[in-house]
Amino acid sequence: MATTSAIDIWYAFGFALAGRVLDVTSTFLVTPTLRLEGNWLAHRFGWKYVLASVLLALFAFASPFLGIVVGTMSCVMAFSNMQMAPLVRHAGGEAEFARLVFSTRAAASFSLRRSILDMITIPLPVICLGAALLFAKGVNDDSASAGVAYGLLAWGAGIAAHRAASLMRICKRRRSARRLDSVLAKP
């Protein structure tokens, strides 16, 4: 029994480590300066934090189930990052993509209602998949499939949280810009 458990731990660790490496690598390919990174911790602490996040794979040694959760979240995040890579590349790189996305024209077409809808609908298919897998296997199940389900749900919640934080920053910037415009417009 101990041999099987040790093998499960090493498989979970390998999966979590591969997922973390894929996430970090895909992040570097999309945003080498972290300018487009949605994780505020990565913005604050930079590449040291991003590289240290690979250590999350060590959760597998506490529980193979946690290793599967970390690996799943990381693989889905890497997939999400890699979807952005061609867009960033075709826009002319990270700086040019950021300039296009955060330009005055883009800010003028900003819609709070549409942004809230995006915040909810973008992670929704993955959340539904995780929920379906979880309820098909049983909520109290600690199998690999339940780990994948929890990983999908955690990714969806994380994406929604990151998008909500970004949305709040955008709204704060717009309010500040409007206040500045009103102050400058006064005689």
N, C-alpha and C. Protein backbone atom coordinates (compact mmCIF):
# COMPACT_ATOMS: atom_id res chain seq x y z
N MET A 1 0.82 -1.19 0.00
CA MET A 1 0.00 0.00 0.00
C MET A 1 0.87 1.26 0.00
N ALA A 2 1.96 1.26 0.76
CA ALA A 2 2.84 2.44 0.83
C ALA A 2 3.46 2.72 -0.53
N THR A 3 3.77 1.66 -1.29
CA THR A 3 4.35 1.85 -2.62
C THR A 3 3.37 2.55 -3.54
N THR A 4 2.11 2.11 -3.53
CA THR A 4 1.09 2.76 -4.35
C THR A 4 0.93 4.21 -3.96
N SER A 5 0.89 4.48 -2.65
CA SER A 5 0.74 5.84 -2.18
C SER A 5 1.93 6.70 -2.61
N ALA A 6 3.14 6.16 -2.52
CA ALA A 6 4.33 6.91 -2.93
C ALA A 6 4.29 7.19 -4.43
N ILE A 7 3.84 6.20 -5.20
CA ILE A 7 3.73 6.39 -6.65
C ILE A 7 2.69 7.47 -6.95
N ASP A 8 1.54 7.43 -6.25
CA ASP A 8 0.52 8.45 -6.44
C ASP A 8 1.07 9.85 -6.14
N ILE A 9 1.83 9.96 -5.08
CA ILE A 9 2.41 11.25 -4.70
C ILE A 9 3.35 11.74 -5.80
N TRP A 10 4.21 10.86 -6.30
CA TRP A 10 5.16 11.28 -7.34
C TRP A 10 4.47 11.62 -8.65
N TYR A 11 3.42 10.88 -9.00
CA TYR A 11 2.66 11.23 -10.21
C TYR A 11 1.98 12.59 -10.02
N ALA A 12 1.38 12.80 -8.87
CA ALA A 12 0.71 14.08 -8.60
C ALA A 12 1.73 15.21 -8.61
N PHE A 13 2.89 14.98 -8.03
CA PHE A 13 3.94 16.00 -8.02
C PHE A 13 4.40 16.30 -9.45
N GLY A 14 4.62 15.26 -10.24
CA GLY A 14 5.04 15.45 -11.63
C GLY A 14 4.01 16.22 -12.44
N PHE A 15 2.73 15.90 -12.24
CA PHE A 15 1.66 16.61 -12.93
C PHE A 15 1.61 18.07 -12.50
N ALA A 16 1.69 18.31 -11.19
CA ALA A 16 1.66 19.69 -10.67
C ALA A 16 2.87 20.47 -11.15
N LEU A 17 4.04 19.85 -11.13
CA LEU A 17 5.25 20.52 -11.58
C LEU A 17 5.18 20.85 -13.08
N ALA A 18 4.72 19.89 -13.86
CA ALA A 18 4.57 20.13 -15.31
C ALA A 18 3.58 21.27 -15.55
N GLY A 19 2.47 21.28 -14.83
CA GLY A 19 1.49 22.34 -14.98
C GLY A 19 2.06 23.70 -14.61
N ARG A 20 2.80 23.77 -13.50
CA ARG A 20 3.39 25.05 -13.08
C ARG A 20 4.42 25.53 -14.09
N VAL A 21 5.25 24.63 -14.60
CA VAL A 21 6.26 25.01 -15.60
C VAL A 21 5.57 25.49 -16.88
N LEU A 22 4.51 24.81 -17.29
CA LEU A 22 3.76 25.26 -18.47
C LEU A 22 3.16 26.65 -18.26
N ASP A 23 2.61 26.90 -17.07
CA ASP A 23 2.03 28.20 -16.78
C ASP A 23 3.09 29.30 -16.81
N VAL A 24 4.21 29.06 -16.14
CA VAL A 24 5.29 30.06 -16.10
C VAL A 24 5.85 30.30 -17.51
N THR A 25 6.07 29.23 -18.26
CA THR A 25 6.61 29.37 -19.62
C THR A 25 5.64 30.13 -20.52
N SER A 26 4.36 29.79 -20.45
CA SER A 26 3.38 30.47 -21.29
C SER A 26 3.24 31.94 -20.87
N THR A 27 3.36 32.22 -19.60
CA THR A 27 3.34 33.61 -19.13
C THR A 27 4.49 34.38 -19.74
N PHE A 28 5.68 33.78 -19.74
CA PHE A 28 6.85 34.44 -20.32
C PHE A 28 6.67 34.68 -21.82
N LEU A 29 6.10 33.71 -22.52
CA LEU A 29 5.90 33.86 -23.96
C LEU A 29 4.92 34.98 -24.29
N VAL A 30 3.91 35.19 -23.45
CA VAL A 30 2.90 36.20 -23.72
C VAL A 30 3.33 37.57 -23.20
N THR A 31 3.89 37.60 -22.01
CA THR A 31 4.18 38.89 -21.38
C THR A 31 5.51 38.86 -20.62
N PRO A 32 6.63 38.96 -21.35
CA PRO A 32 7.94 38.86 -20.71
C PRO A 32 8.19 39.93 -19.64
N THR A 33 7.56 41.08 -19.74
CA THR A 33 7.73 42.11 -18.72
C THR A 33 6.61 42.08 -17.68
N LEU A 34 5.69 41.14 -17.82
CA LEU A 34 4.52 40.98 -16.94
C LEU A 34 3.53 42.14 -17.05
N ARG A 35 3.66 42.93 -18.08
CA ARG A 35 2.76 44.07 -18.29
C ARG A 35 1.32 43.62 -18.50
N LEU A 36 1.13 42.47 -19.13
CA LEU A 36 -0.22 41.97 -19.41
C LEU A 36 -0.69 40.94 -18.38
N GLU A 37 0.13 40.66 -17.39
CA GLU A 37 -0.19 39.64 -16.39
C GLU A 37 -1.39 40.08 -15.54
N GLY A 38 -2.34 39.18 -15.36
CA GLY A 38 -3.54 39.49 -14.58
C GLY A 38 -3.37 39.29 -13.10
N ASN A 39 -2.36 38.57 -12.68
CA ASN A 39 -2.14 38.28 -11.26
C ASN A 39 -1.46 39.48 -10.61
N TRP A 40 -2.15 40.13 -9.67
CA TRP A 40 -1.60 41.33 -9.04
C TRP A 40 -0.35 41.02 -8.23
N LEU A 41 -0.23 39.80 -7.71
CA LEU A 41 0.98 39.44 -6.97
C LEU A 41 2.20 39.40 -7.91
N ALA A 42 1.98 38.92 -9.12
CA ALA A 42 3.06 38.90 -10.11
C ALA A 42 3.45 40.33 -10.49
N HIS A 43 2.46 41.20 -10.60
CA HIS A 43 2.75 42.62 -10.88
C HIS A 43 3.60 43.21 -9.76
N ARG A 44 3.22 42.92 -8.54
CA ARG A 44 3.89 43.54 -7.38
C ARG A 44 5.30 42.99 -7.16
N PHE A 45 5.45 41.66 -7.27
CA PHE A 45 6.72 41.03 -6.91
C PHE A 45 7.56 40.58 -8.10
N GLY A 46 6.99 40.62 -9.31
CA GLY A 46 7.75 40.33 -10.52
C GLY A 46 8.05 38.86 -10.74
N TRP A 47 9.09 38.62 -11.53
CA TRP A 47 9.43 37.27 -11.94
C TRP A 47 9.88 36.39 -10.79
N LYS A 48 10.40 36.97 -9.73
CA LYS A 48 10.78 36.16 -8.57
C LYS A 48 9.56 35.43 -8.02
N TYR A 49 8.45 36.14 -7.92
CA TYR A 49 7.21 35.53 -7.46
C TYR A 49 6.72 34.47 -8.44
N VAL A 50 6.74 34.82 -9.72
CA VAL A 50 6.25 33.88 -10.74
C VAL A 50 7.06 32.59 -10.71
N LEU A 51 8.38 32.72 -10.64
CA LEU A 51 9.23 31.53 -10.58
C LEU A 51 9.03 30.76 -9.29
N ALA A 52 8.85 31.48 -8.18
CA ALA A 52 8.62 30.80 -6.90
C ALA A 52 7.29 30.05 -6.89
N SER A 53 6.36 30.48 -7.74
CA SER A 53 5.06 29.81 -7.78
C SER A 53 5.17 28.35 -8.24
N VAL A 54 6.29 28.01 -8.86
CA VAL A 54 6.51 26.62 -9.24
C VAL A 54 6.53 25.73 -8.00
N LEU A 55 6.88 26.30 -6.86
CA LEU A 55 6.92 25.55 -5.61
C LEU A 55 5.54 25.06 -5.16
N LEU A 56 4.48 25.60 -5.77
CA LEU A 56 3.14 25.10 -5.46
C LEU A 56 3.01 23.61 -5.76
N ALA A 57 3.87 23.12 -6.64
CA ALA A 57 3.84 21.68 -6.96
C ALA A 57 4.13 20.84 -5.73
N LEU A 58 4.79 21.42 -4.75
CA LEU A 58 5.12 20.68 -3.52
C LEU A 58 3.88 20.30 -2.72
N PHE A 59 2.74 20.93 -3.00
CA PHE A 59 1.50 20.55 -2.34
C PHE A 59 1.19 19.07 -2.56
N ALA A 60 1.69 18.51 -3.63
CA ALA A 60 1.45 17.09 -3.92
C ALA A 60 2.02 16.20 -2.82
N PHE A 61 3.07 16.65 -2.16
CA PHE A 61 3.65 15.85 -1.08
C PHE A 61 2.77 15.89 0.17
N ALA A 62 1.98 16.96 0.34
CA ALA A 62 1.03 17.01 1.44
C ALA A 62 -0.18 16.14 1.12
N SER A 63 -0.58 16.17 -0.16
CA SER A 63 -1.73 15.39 -0.60
C SER A 63 -1.69 15.27 -2.12
N PRO A 64 -1.70 14.05 -2.66
CA PRO A 64 -1.75 13.91 -4.11
C PRO A 64 -2.95 14.64 -4.71
N PHE A 65 -4.06 14.69 -3.97
CA PHE A 65 -5.25 15.39 -4.41
C PHE A 65 -4.93 16.87 -4.65
N LEU A 66 -4.21 17.52 -3.72
CA LEU A 66 -3.84 18.94 -3.89
C LEU A 66 -2.89 19.10 -5.08
N GLY A 67 -2.04 18.12 -5.30
CA GLY A 67 -1.16 18.17 -6.47
C GLY A 67 -1.95 18.16 -7.77
N ILE A 68 -3.00 17.36 -7.81
CA ILE A 68 -3.86 17.30 -8.99
C ILE A 68 -4.59 18.63 -9.18
N VAL A 69 -5.06 19.23 -8.09
CA VAL A 69 -5.75 20.53 -8.16
C VAL A 69 -4.79 21.58 -8.73
N VAL A 70 -3.57 21.65 -8.17
CA VAL A 70 -2.57 22.63 -8.63
C VAL A 70 -2.22 22.38 -10.10
N GLY A 71 -2.00 21.13 -10.46
CA GLY A 71 -1.66 20.80 -11.84
C GLY A 71 -2.76 21.16 -12.82
N THR A 72 -4.00 20.90 -12.44
CA THR A 72 -5.13 21.22 -13.31
C THR A 72 -5.27 22.72 -13.50
N MET A 73 -5.25 23.47 -12.39
CA MET A 73 -5.34 24.94 -12.49
C MET A 73 -4.23 25.48 -13.37
N SER A 74 -3.03 24.97 -13.19
CA SER A 74 -1.88 25.47 -13.94
C SER A 74 -1.97 25.14 -15.43
N CYS A 75 -2.42 23.93 -15.75
CA CYS A 75 -2.55 23.56 -17.16
C CYS A 75 -3.62 24.40 -17.86
N VAL A 76 -4.75 24.63 -17.19
CA VAL A 76 -5.79 25.44 -17.79
C VAL A 76 -5.30 26.88 -17.96
N MET A 77 -4.55 27.39 -16.98
CA MET A 77 -4.01 28.75 -17.10
C MET A 77 -3.01 28.82 -18.25
N ALA A 78 -2.18 27.81 -18.40
CA ALA A 78 -1.23 27.79 -19.53
C ALA A 78 -1.99 27.79 -20.85
N PHE A 79 -3.07 27.03 -20.93
CA PHE A 79 -3.90 27.02 -22.13
C PHE A 79 -4.46 28.41 -22.41
N SER A 80 -4.96 29.06 -21.37
CA SER A 80 -5.50 30.41 -21.51
C SER A 80 -4.43 31.39 -21.98
N ASN A 81 -3.24 31.29 -21.39
CA ASN A 81 -2.13 32.16 -21.80
C ASN A 81 -1.76 31.93 -23.27
N MET A 82 -1.69 30.67 -23.65
CA MET A 82 -1.26 30.35 -25.02
C MET A 82 -2.29 30.80 -26.05
N GLN A 83 -3.55 30.94 -25.65
CA GLN A 83 -4.54 31.50 -26.57
C GLN A 83 -4.23 32.97 -26.86
N MET A 84 -3.64 33.65 -25.91
CA MET A 84 -3.30 35.06 -26.08
C MET A 84 -2.02 35.25 -26.88
N ALA A 85 -1.13 34.27 -26.87
CA ALA A 85 0.18 34.43 -27.50
C ALA A 85 0.10 34.88 -28.96
N PRO A 86 -0.71 34.26 -29.83
CA PRO A 86 -0.77 34.72 -31.22
C PRO A 86 -1.31 36.15 -31.35
N LEU A 87 -2.28 36.51 -30.52
CA LEU A 87 -2.83 37.87 -30.57
C LEU A 87 -1.76 38.91 -30.22
N VAL A 88 -1.01 38.62 -29.17
CA VAL A 88 0.05 39.54 -28.75
C VAL A 88 1.13 39.61 -29.83
N ARG A 89 1.50 38.47 -30.37
CA ARG A 89 2.54 38.42 -31.41
C ARG A 89 2.10 39.20 -32.66
N HIS A 90 0.86 38.99 -33.11
CA HIS A 90 0.37 39.67 -34.32
C HIS A 90 0.16 41.16 -34.10
N ALA A 91 -0.06 41.56 -32.86
CA ALA A 91 -0.21 42.99 -32.56
C ALA A 91 1.14 43.71 -32.58
N GLY A 92 2.21 42.96 -32.60
CA GLY A 92 3.54 43.58 -32.61
C GLY A 92 4.27 43.43 -31.30
N GLY A 93 3.79 42.58 -30.42
CA GLY A 93 4.46 42.35 -29.15
C GLY A 93 3.67 42.88 -27.97
N GLU A 94 4.22 42.63 -26.82
CA GLU A 94 3.55 42.96 -25.56
C GLU A 94 3.24 44.45 -25.41
N ALA A 95 4.21 45.30 -25.68
CA ALA A 95 4.02 46.74 -25.51
C ALA A 95 2.96 47.28 -26.47
N GLU A 96 3.03 46.84 -27.72
CA GLU A 96 2.06 47.31 -28.72
C GLU A 96 0.66 46.80 -28.41
N PHE A 97 0.56 45.55 -27.97
CA PHE A 97 -0.74 44.98 -27.59
C PHE A 97 -1.33 45.77 -26.43
N ALA A 98 -0.52 46.06 -25.42
CA ALA A 98 -0.99 46.84 -24.27
C ALA A 98 -1.44 48.23 -24.71
N ARG A 99 -0.68 48.83 -25.62
CA ARG A 99 -1.04 50.17 -26.10
C ARG A 99 -2.39 50.14 -26.81
N LEU A 100 -2.63 49.10 -27.60
CA LEU A 100 -3.91 48.97 -28.30
C LEU A 100 -5.07 48.74 -27.33
N VAL A 101 -4.85 47.86 -26.38
CA VAL A 101 -5.92 47.49 -25.45
C VAL A 101 -6.23 48.63 -24.48
N PHE A 102 -5.20 49.32 -24.04
CA PHE A 102 -5.41 50.36 -23.03
C PHE A 102 -5.40 51.77 -23.61
N SER A 103 -5.60 51.88 -24.91
CA SER A 103 -5.58 53.18 -25.57
C SER A 103 -6.81 54.01 -25.19
N THR A 104 -6.76 55.28 -25.54
CA THR A 104 -7.89 56.17 -25.29
C THR A 104 -9.13 55.68 -26.02
N ARG A 105 -8.95 55.20 -27.23
CA ARG A 105 -10.09 54.70 -28.01
C ARG A 105 -10.72 53.49 -27.32
N ALA A 106 -9.87 52.57 -26.84
CA ALA A 106 -10.40 51.40 -26.13
C ALA A 106 -11.10 51.83 -24.85
N ALA A 107 -10.54 52.81 -24.15
CA ALA A 107 -11.16 53.30 -22.92
C ALA A 107 -12.50 53.97 -23.22
N ALA A 108 -12.60 54.65 -24.34
CA ALA A 108 -13.84 55.32 -24.70
C ALA A 108 -14.95 54.31 -24.99
N SER A 109 -14.59 53.14 -25.50
CA SER A 109 -15.60 52.13 -25.81
C SER A 109 -15.84 51.18 -24.64
N PHE A 110 -15.20 51.45 -23.50
CA PHE A 110 -15.35 50.61 -22.32
C PHE A 110 -16.79 50.63 -21.84
N SER A 111 -17.33 49.45 -21.59
CA SER A 111 -18.69 49.32 -21.09
C SER A 111 -18.65 48.49 -19.81
N LEU A 112 -19.09 49.09 -18.70
CA LEU A 112 -19.10 48.37 -17.44
C LEU A 112 -20.00 47.14 -17.52
N ARG A 113 -21.15 47.30 -18.13
CA ARG A 113 -22.10 46.18 -18.26
C ARG A 113 -21.48 45.03 -19.05
N ARG A 114 -20.85 45.35 -20.18
CA ARG A 114 -20.22 44.32 -21.01
C ARG A 114 -19.05 43.67 -20.27
N SER A 115 -18.30 44.47 -19.53
CA SER A 115 -17.16 43.93 -18.79
C SER A 115 -17.59 42.98 -17.69
N ILE A 116 -18.69 43.30 -17.01
CA ILE A 116 -19.21 42.39 -15.98
C ILE A 116 -19.70 41.10 -16.63
N LEU A 117 -20.36 41.22 -17.76
CA LEU A 117 -20.82 40.04 -18.49
C LEU A 117 -19.63 39.17 -18.91
N ASP A 118 -18.57 39.79 -19.42
CA ASP A 118 -17.36 39.05 -19.78
C ASP A 118 -16.75 38.37 -18.57
N MET A 119 -16.72 39.08 -17.45
CA MET A 119 -16.13 38.55 -16.23
C MET A 119 -16.83 37.26 -15.81
N ILE A 120 -18.12 37.20 -16.04
CA ILE A 120 -18.91 36.03 -15.66
C ILE A 120 -18.84 34.94 -16.73
N THR A 121 -18.97 35.31 -18.00
CA THR A 121 -19.12 34.30 -19.05
C THR A 121 -17.82 33.67 -19.50
N ILE A 122 -16.70 34.37 -19.40
CA ILE A 122 -15.45 33.79 -19.90
C ILE A 122 -15.06 32.52 -19.12
N PRO A 123 -15.07 32.53 -17.79
CA PRO A 123 -14.70 31.29 -17.08
C PRO A 123 -15.86 30.29 -16.93
N LEU A 124 -17.05 30.68 -17.31
CA LEU A 124 -18.23 29.84 -17.07
C LEU A 124 -18.16 28.43 -17.66
N PRO A 125 -17.72 28.24 -18.91
CA PRO A 125 -17.66 26.87 -19.43
C PRO A 125 -16.73 25.95 -18.62
N VAL A 126 -15.62 26.49 -18.17
CA VAL A 126 -14.68 25.68 -17.38
C VAL A 126 -15.27 25.39 -16.00
N ILE A 127 -15.95 26.37 -15.42
CA ILE A 127 -16.60 26.16 -14.13
C ILE A 127 -17.68 25.09 -14.26
N CYS A 128 -18.46 25.14 -15.32
CA CYS A 128 -19.51 24.13 -15.55
C CYS A 128 -18.91 22.74 -15.72
N LEU A 129 -17.81 22.66 -16.45
CA LEU A 129 -17.14 21.37 -16.62
C LEU A 129 -16.65 20.83 -15.28
N GLY A 130 -16.04 21.68 -14.48
CA GLY A 130 -15.58 21.26 -13.16
C GLY A 130 -16.72 20.82 -12.28
N ALA A 131 -17.82 21.58 -12.29
CA ALA A 131 -18.97 21.23 -11.46
C ALA A 131 -19.59 19.91 -11.91
N ALA A 132 -19.70 19.72 -13.22
CA ALA A 132 -20.27 18.47 -13.73
C ALA A 132 -19.41 17.27 -13.34
N LEU A 133 -18.11 17.42 -13.48
CA LEU A 133 -17.20 16.34 -13.10
C LEU A 133 -17.27 16.06 -11.61
N LEU A 134 -17.32 17.12 -10.83
CA LEU A 134 -17.36 16.97 -9.38
C LEU A 134 -18.64 16.27 -8.93
N PHE A 135 -19.77 16.70 -9.45
CA PHE A 135 -21.03 16.11 -9.02
C PHE A 135 -21.23 14.70 -9.59
N ALA A 136 -20.62 14.42 -10.72
CA ALA A 136 -20.69 13.06 -11.27
C ALA A 136 -19.89 12.09 -10.41
N LYS A 137 -18.80 12.57 -9.84
CA LYS A 137 -17.94 11.71 -9.02
C LYS A 137 -18.30 11.74 -7.55
N GLY A 138 -19.00 12.75 -7.11
CA GLY A 138 -19.34 12.88 -5.70
C GLY A 138 -18.52 13.97 -5.05
N VAL A 139 -19.17 14.81 -4.29
CA VAL A 139 -18.52 15.98 -3.69
C VAL A 139 -17.44 15.58 -2.70
N ASN A 140 -17.59 14.50 -1.97
CA ASN A 140 -16.63 14.11 -0.95
C ASN A 140 -15.52 13.20 -1.47
N ASP A 141 -15.51 12.95 -2.74
CA ASP A 141 -14.52 12.08 -3.37
C ASP A 141 -13.17 12.79 -3.41
N ASP A 142 -12.10 12.11 -3.05
CA ASP A 142 -10.76 12.72 -3.13
C ASP A 142 -9.92 12.04 -4.22
N SER A 143 -10.59 11.56 -5.26
CA SER A 143 -9.91 10.90 -6.37
C SER A 143 -9.26 11.93 -7.28
N ALA A 144 -8.53 11.44 -8.25
CA ALA A 144 -7.88 12.32 -9.22
C ALA A 144 -8.91 13.12 -10.01
N SER A 145 -10.04 12.50 -10.36
CA SER A 145 -11.05 13.23 -11.13
C SER A 145 -11.67 14.34 -10.29
N ALA A 146 -11.83 14.12 -8.99
CA ALA A 146 -12.32 15.19 -8.12
C ALA A 146 -11.27 16.30 -8.02
N GLY A 147 -10.00 15.92 -8.01
CA GLY A 147 -8.93 16.92 -8.00
C GLY A 147 -8.96 17.78 -9.25
N VAL A 148 -9.20 17.14 -10.39
CA VAL A 148 -9.33 17.89 -11.65
C VAL A 148 -10.53 18.82 -11.57
N ALA A 149 -11.65 18.32 -11.04
CA ALA A 149 -12.86 19.14 -10.92
C ALA A 149 -12.59 20.36 -10.04
N TYR A 150 -11.99 20.15 -8.89
CA TYR A 150 -11.68 21.28 -8.01
C TYR A 150 -10.67 22.23 -8.65
N GLY A 151 -9.74 21.70 -9.41
CA GLY A 151 -8.79 22.55 -10.13
C GLY A 151 -9.48 23.43 -11.15
N LEU A 152 -10.44 22.87 -11.88
CA LEU A 152 -11.21 23.66 -12.86
C LEU A 152 -12.03 24.73 -12.16
N LEU A 153 -12.66 24.37 -11.05
CA LEU A 153 -13.45 25.35 -10.30
C LEU A 153 -12.57 26.46 -9.73
N ALA A 154 -11.42 26.08 -9.20
CA ALA A 154 -10.50 27.08 -8.63
C ALA A 154 -9.98 28.01 -9.72
N TRP A 155 -9.68 27.47 -10.90
CA TRP A 155 -9.23 28.32 -12.01
C TRP A 155 -10.32 29.32 -12.38
N GLY A 156 -11.55 28.84 -12.50
CA GLY A 156 -12.66 29.73 -12.85
C GLY A 156 -12.86 30.82 -11.82
N ALA A 157 -12.80 30.46 -10.55
CA ALA A 157 -12.94 31.45 -9.49
C ALA A 157 -11.77 32.44 -9.53
N GLY A 158 -10.58 31.94 -9.78
CA GLY A 158 -9.41 32.82 -9.86
C GLY A 158 -9.50 33.79 -11.02
N ILE A 159 -9.93 33.31 -12.17
CA ILE A 159 -10.08 34.19 -13.34
C ILE A 159 -11.14 35.25 -13.05
N ALA A 160 -12.25 34.86 -12.48
CA ALA A 160 -13.30 35.83 -12.16
C ALA A 160 -12.78 36.87 -11.16
N ALA A 161 -12.01 36.43 -10.16
CA ALA A 161 -11.45 37.37 -9.18
C ALA A 161 -10.45 38.32 -9.83
N HIS A 162 -9.58 37.80 -10.69
CA HIS A 162 -8.61 38.66 -11.38
C HIS A 162 -9.32 39.66 -12.29
N ARG A 163 -10.33 39.21 -12.98
CA ARG A 163 -11.07 40.11 -13.87
C ARG A 163 -11.84 41.15 -13.06
N ALA A 164 -12.38 40.77 -11.92
CA ALA A 164 -13.08 41.73 -11.07
C ALA A 164 -12.11 42.80 -10.56
N ALA A 165 -10.91 42.38 -10.15
CA ALA A 165 -9.90 43.34 -9.68
C ALA A 165 -9.49 44.28 -10.81
N SER A 166 -9.30 43.75 -12.01
CA SER A 166 -8.96 44.59 -13.16
C SER A 166 -10.07 45.56 -13.48
N LEU A 167 -11.30 45.08 -13.41
CA LEU A 167 -12.45 45.93 -13.68
C LEU A 167 -12.52 47.08 -12.67
N MET A 168 -12.25 46.78 -11.40
CA MET A 168 -12.26 47.84 -10.40
C MET A 168 -11.16 48.87 -10.66
N ARG A 169 -9.99 48.41 -11.09
CA ARG A 169 -8.90 49.35 -11.41
C ARG A 169 -9.27 50.23 -12.59
N ILE A 170 -9.88 49.64 -13.62
CA ILE A 170 -10.30 50.42 -14.79
C ILE A 170 -11.34 51.46 -14.39
N CYS A 171 -12.32 51.06 -13.60
CA CYS A 171 -13.36 52.00 -13.17
C CYS A 171 -12.75 53.13 -12.34
N LYS A 172 -11.81 52.80 -11.48
CA LYS A 172 -11.15 53.82 -10.65
C LYS A 172 -10.38 54.81 -11.53
N ARG A 173 -9.67 54.30 -12.54
CA ARG A 173 -8.94 55.18 -13.47
C ARG A 173 -9.89 56.09 -14.23
N ARG A 174 -11.02 55.52 -14.68
CA ARG A 174 -11.99 56.33 -15.43
C ARG A 174 -12.58 57.42 -14.56
N ARG A 175 -12.90 57.11 -13.30
CA ARG A 175 -13.43 58.15 -12.39
C ARG A 175 -12.41 59.24 -12.16
N SER A 176 -11.14 58.85 -11.96
CA SER A 176 -10.08 59.83 -11.77
C SER A 176 -9.92 60.70 -13.00
N ALA A 177 -9.98 60.10 -14.18
CA ALA A 177 -9.84 60.86 -15.44
C ALA A 177 -11.01 61.83 -15.60
N ARG A 178 -12.23 61.38 -15.25
CA ARG A 178 -13.39 62.27 -15.35
C ARG A 178 -13.28 63.44 -14.38
N ARG A 179 -12.80 63.18 -13.15
CA ARG A 179 -12.61 64.26 -12.18
C ARG A 179 -11.59 65.26 -12.69
N LEU A 180 -10.50 64.74 -13.26
CA LEU A 180 -9.47 65.61 -13.80
C LEU A 180 -10.01 66.44 -14.96
N ASP A 181 -10.79 65.80 -15.83
CA ASP A 181 -11.40 66.53 -16.94
C ASP A 181 -12.32 67.64 -16.44
N SER A 182 -13.11 67.36 -15.39
CA SER A 182 -14.04 68.36 -14.88
C SER A 182 -13.27 69.51 -14.21
N VAL A 183 -12.16 69.21 -13.55
CA VAL A 183 -11.36 70.25 -12.93
C VAL A 183 -10.71 71.12 -14.02
N LEU A 184 -10.20 70.48 -15.06
CA LEU A 184 -9.56 71.22 -16.14
C LEU A 184 -10.55 72.03 -16.96
N ALA A 185 -11.80 71.59 -17.00
CA ALA A 185 -12.82 72.30 -17.79
C ALA A 185 -13.35 73.54 -17.09
N LYS A 186 -13.18 73.62 -15.77
CA LYS A 186 -13.66 74.80 -15.03
C LYS A 186 -12.83 76.02 -15.39
N PRO A 187 -13.53 77.18 -15.49
CA PRO A 187 -12.79 78.42 -15.85
C PRO A 187 -11.94 78.94 -14.71
